[in-house]
Each structure stands twice: as C-alpha cells, then as structure tokens.
C-alpha cells in the first residue's frame, strides 16, 4: 500500500482535499477540548488546582512529540531501505513540527511543574532530560540535513540519525518506571485501562485527536511545498541544460 502513496502525484491528489479536511476537524476538536479543559471540567487540587488545566495542552503535546519522532524514524527507515522519495520528504516535514510540539511539551510542563512540584526544571529527572534530548535530536536532524551538499547525502545522514535516535523514545515512555521521577505513573494507557476519571479523560482524548489532525495537516502542507519545490528545481535544471 505504501508504494501507492510513494508516488508524488498521487500524494498531491490525496492531500489536496485531505489536508483542508484535517484542518477543519482539528480546529473544531481543539476548540472543544480547550472549552472543556479551561472552563467545564472541575479543578483537581491534587494536581495543583486550576493550573492542572494546562494538561489539555501538555499531554497531547507530549504524546505527539514522541509519536512524531517515531514517525520521522519510520519514514527514514522506509527511505533508507526502499529509497521512496516521498518517505524522505515526510521525514523532513515532520522534523520542524516535531521540534515545535516537543518545545510546547517542555514549556507547558515547566508551567505546570512550578506550582505543583515547586520547580520549573529538575536536571536529574529522567523524563525531563530524555524529552529535552529528543528536542535536540530534532534540531540535530535539521542541522545535519542542512549541512550536507546534496539531497541524497542529507537524506542518508538524517535517516541514520533519526533511526538511532528512536531508541530514546522507549526511554521517555518507561523512564518513570525505571528511574526516580517527579512525574506520576501512566494514568491513561495502562494494562488495567485508564485510571483517569472520565470527566478529564474524554476532553483530553478529544484534544489529543485535534492536535494529531492538525499535525498531520501541517505535515501534508509542508510535504506538498517540498514536492513542488523539487519539481521547480528539476524544471530549472532542464531549462539550463537545454533538455
């Protein structure tokens, strides 16, 4: 199936209507999640009172940060093995967006952590440091690609870094179980099912879906721009050579 989407022309056709649909759905879901999270759900004094409402931004950002890095690594693997150019374009598009959502995760986590834990940052907290490391992996991926003098070298170097860096994602997920951390144990995805009360869980899941659709729409938009840029470069090259 992926080979069907690996055709740039088919991708452009699909994304031309799918991206606007995702933008619209994301706007509705994120707005509903914000409305529920900021004004409708009761505050939780155990989680810091009203400041816990930042959860409806922080948690979706954290999930998307990890998912986006895995997506970049998977697309890099696909390009590395099968040389599908659309996969490399997808990995390149995911990187700046993944860095943005990771930064959002770090900032909102600090805002939530100060009144709850009494500190903006804890340098010996494994969850915080592994997420920060992932942020630098995103930045390193983009810098490494920009430093290469050809597109193929950029794709190869970026793919290797993305695939190796993917080892950090399980560390983020299980850091609370393996190391001492200020973060609580998982409360949504557990073997026994969600531990979070439904009044918080459903707005959180809806908000997360909205963030995911927005992320996907932005990825498609960046991919479309990259495909058209490459096509324009090919046309210029042909005109210059007279072919």
Foldseek 3Di string as FASTA:
>chain_A
DVVQCLDVVSLCVVLVPLLVVLLVLLVVLQVVLLCLLQPNFAFDVLQPGNLCSLVLLQVLLVVVLLVLLVLLLVLLVCCVVPVRVLSLLLNLLSLVVSLVSLVSNLQSCLSSCCSNVVGSDDPPAQLNVLSVVSSVLSVVLNVQLVPDPDNVNNSNVSNVSSNVSNVSSVCNQCVVVPHPHPDDHDQADDPVHHNDDPSNVVSSVSSSSSVVSNSVSSSSVSSNVVVVVVVVVVVVVCVVVVD
